[in-house]
């Protein structure tokens, strides 16, 4: 499985950004997003099943971020709204053979929230 993340950039506090992840290769059970802020460990952000029927979010992004899946295009998205400076991080797209597993990683895309 190969994953290619894109869509990072600079956004003002309160703004929105959408990350995209192009997936290719074998079918997997779950896709997800992780992030790593400067000086911190990599952390879970959101996950979605291959069908899109089930999702899960880290508490701090619930109600602000939305993960979705477009099977026809083999794409995974992370819509980020009401963004805050603490959302600044490198975001990674992941895929796994079981729910919320992370067997495959894409390269990161940098998101900076600043005025």
Protein backbone atom coordinates (compact mmCIF):
# COMPACT_ATOMS: atom_id res chain seq x y z
CA UNK A 1 0.00 0.00 0.00
CA UNK A 2 1.32 3.40 -0.97
CA UNK A 3 0.00 6.61 0.54
CA UNK A 4 0.58 10.14 -0.72
CA UNK A 5 -0.59 12.97 1.54
CA UNK A 6 -1.10 16.54 0.38
CA UNK A 7 -2.92 19.74 1.25
CA UNK A 8 -0.85 21.12 4.10
CA UNK A 9 -0.09 24.79 4.44
CA UNK A 10 -0.51 27.91 6.50
CA UNK A 11 -3.93 28.78 7.90
CA UNK A 12 -5.10 31.42 10.34
CA UNK A 13 -6.69 30.51 13.69
CA UNK A 14 -10.34 29.74 13.16
CA UNK A 15 -9.73 28.80 9.54
CA UNK A 16 -10.15 25.56 7.62
CA UNK A 17 -7.94 23.22 5.64
CA UNK A 18 -8.52 19.91 3.90
CA UNK A 19 -5.85 17.26 3.71
CA UNK A 20 -5.96 14.58 1.04
CA UNK A 21 -4.34 11.17 0.89
CA UNK A 22 -4.11 9.17 -2.32
CA UNK A 23 -4.00 5.44 -1.65
CA UNK A 24 -2.89 2.67 -4.00
CA UNK A 25 -2.25 -1.05 -3.68
CA UNK A 26 -4.12 -3.71 -1.76
CA UNK A 27 -7.42 -3.12 0.00
CA UNK A 28 -7.06 -2.42 3.69
CA UNK A 29 -9.52 -2.30 6.57
CA UNK A 30 -8.83 1.16 7.91
CA UNK A 31 -7.32 4.53 7.04
CA UNK A 32 -6.24 7.17 9.47
CA UNK A 33 -4.43 10.39 10.20
CA UNK A 34 -1.74 10.98 12.80
CA UNK A 35 0.12 14.16 13.62
CA UNK A 36 3.41 15.12 15.18
CA UNK A 37 3.91 18.56 16.67
CA UNK A 38 7.43 19.97 17.17
CA UNK A 39 9.15 18.26 20.07
CA UNK A 40 6.27 15.85 20.64
CA UNK A 41 5.54 12.23 19.83
CA UNK A 42 3.33 11.22 16.94
CA UNK A 43 -0.33 11.00 17.98
CA UNK A 44 -3.59 9.62 16.64
CA UNK A 45 -6.01 12.10 15.09
CA UNK A 46 -8.74 10.19 13.27
CA UNK A 47 -9.59 6.87 11.63
CA UNK A 48 -12.17 5.56 9.18
CA UNK A 49 -13.06 2.09 7.95
CA UNK A 50 -12.64 1.18 4.28
CA UNK A 51 -16.41 1.43 3.84
CA UNK A 52 -16.58 4.77 5.60
CA UNK A 53 -19.23 3.43 7.94
CA UNK A 54 -17.23 3.86 11.15
CA UNK A 55 -15.01 6.70 12.33
CA UNK A 56 -13.09 7.61 15.46
CA UNK A 57 -11.45 10.84 16.60
CA UNK A 58 -9.02 12.03 19.21
CA UNK A 59 -10.91 14.04 21.81
CA UNK A 60 -9.36 17.43 21.00
CA UNK A 61 -10.49 17.33 17.35
CA UNK A 62 -14.01 15.95 17.84
CA UNK A 63 -16.54 18.33 16.32
CA UNK A 64 -13.84 20.19 14.38
CA UNK A 65 -12.24 17.56 12.14
CA UNK A 66 -13.97 15.15 9.78
CA UNK A 67 -12.36 12.12 8.18
CA UNK A 68 -13.91 10.68 5.05
CA UNK A 69 -13.21 8.14 2.32
CA UNK A 70 -13.92 8.16 -1.42
CA UNK A 71 -13.52 4.58 -2.62
CA UNK A 72 -14.12 5.45 -6.26
CA UNK A 73 -11.12 7.76 -6.21
CA UNK A 74 -9.06 5.83 -3.64
CA UNK A 75 -8.80 8.97 -1.57
CA UNK A 76 -8.96 9.72 2.14
CA UNK A 77 -9.64 13.22 3.40
CA UNK A 78 -9.29 15.11 6.65
CA UNK A 79 -11.43 18.25 6.77
CA UNK A 80 -10.15 20.51 9.52
CA UNK A 81 -12.32 23.39 10.73
CA UNK A 82 -12.03 25.89 13.58
CA UNK A 83 -8.32 25.31 13.58
CA UNK A 84 -6.16 26.40 16.47
CA UNK A 85 -2.41 26.98 16.89
CA UNK A 86 -2.17 23.69 18.79
CA UNK A 87 -3.20 21.92 15.57
CA UNK A 88 0.16 22.87 14.08
CA UNK A 89 1.97 19.66 13.20
CA UNK A 90 3.16 17.38 10.46
CA UNK A 91 0.17 15.23 9.48
CA UNK A 92 0.59 11.64 8.30
CA UNK A 93 -1.82 9.42 6.41
CA UNK A 94 -1.94 5.78 7.53
CA UNK A 95 -3.54 2.51 6.48
CA UNK A 96 -3.96 -0.78 8.28
CA UNK A 97 -5.19 -4.36 7.92
CA UNK A 98 -7.26 -4.13 11.12
CA UNK A 99 -9.35 -1.37 12.68
CA UNK A 100 -7.07 1.53 13.62
CA UNK A 101 -3.90 -0.40 12.90
CA UNK A 102 -1.06 1.46 11.19
CA UNK A 103 0.73 -0.97 8.93
CA UNK A 104 1.46 1.61 6.26
CA UNK A 105 2.50 5.27 6.46
CA UNK A 106 2.64 8.03 3.93
CA UNK A 107 4.98 10.97 4.00
CA UNK A 108 3.94 13.88 6.15
CA UNK A 109 2.41 17.18 5.17
CA UNK A 110 3.04 20.25 7.29
CA UNK A 111 0.12 22.23 8.69
CA UNK A 112 0.81 25.54 10.40
CA UNK A 113 -1.90 27.49 12.22
CA UNK A 114 -0.74 31.02 12.86
CA UNK A 115 -1.83 34.60 12.43
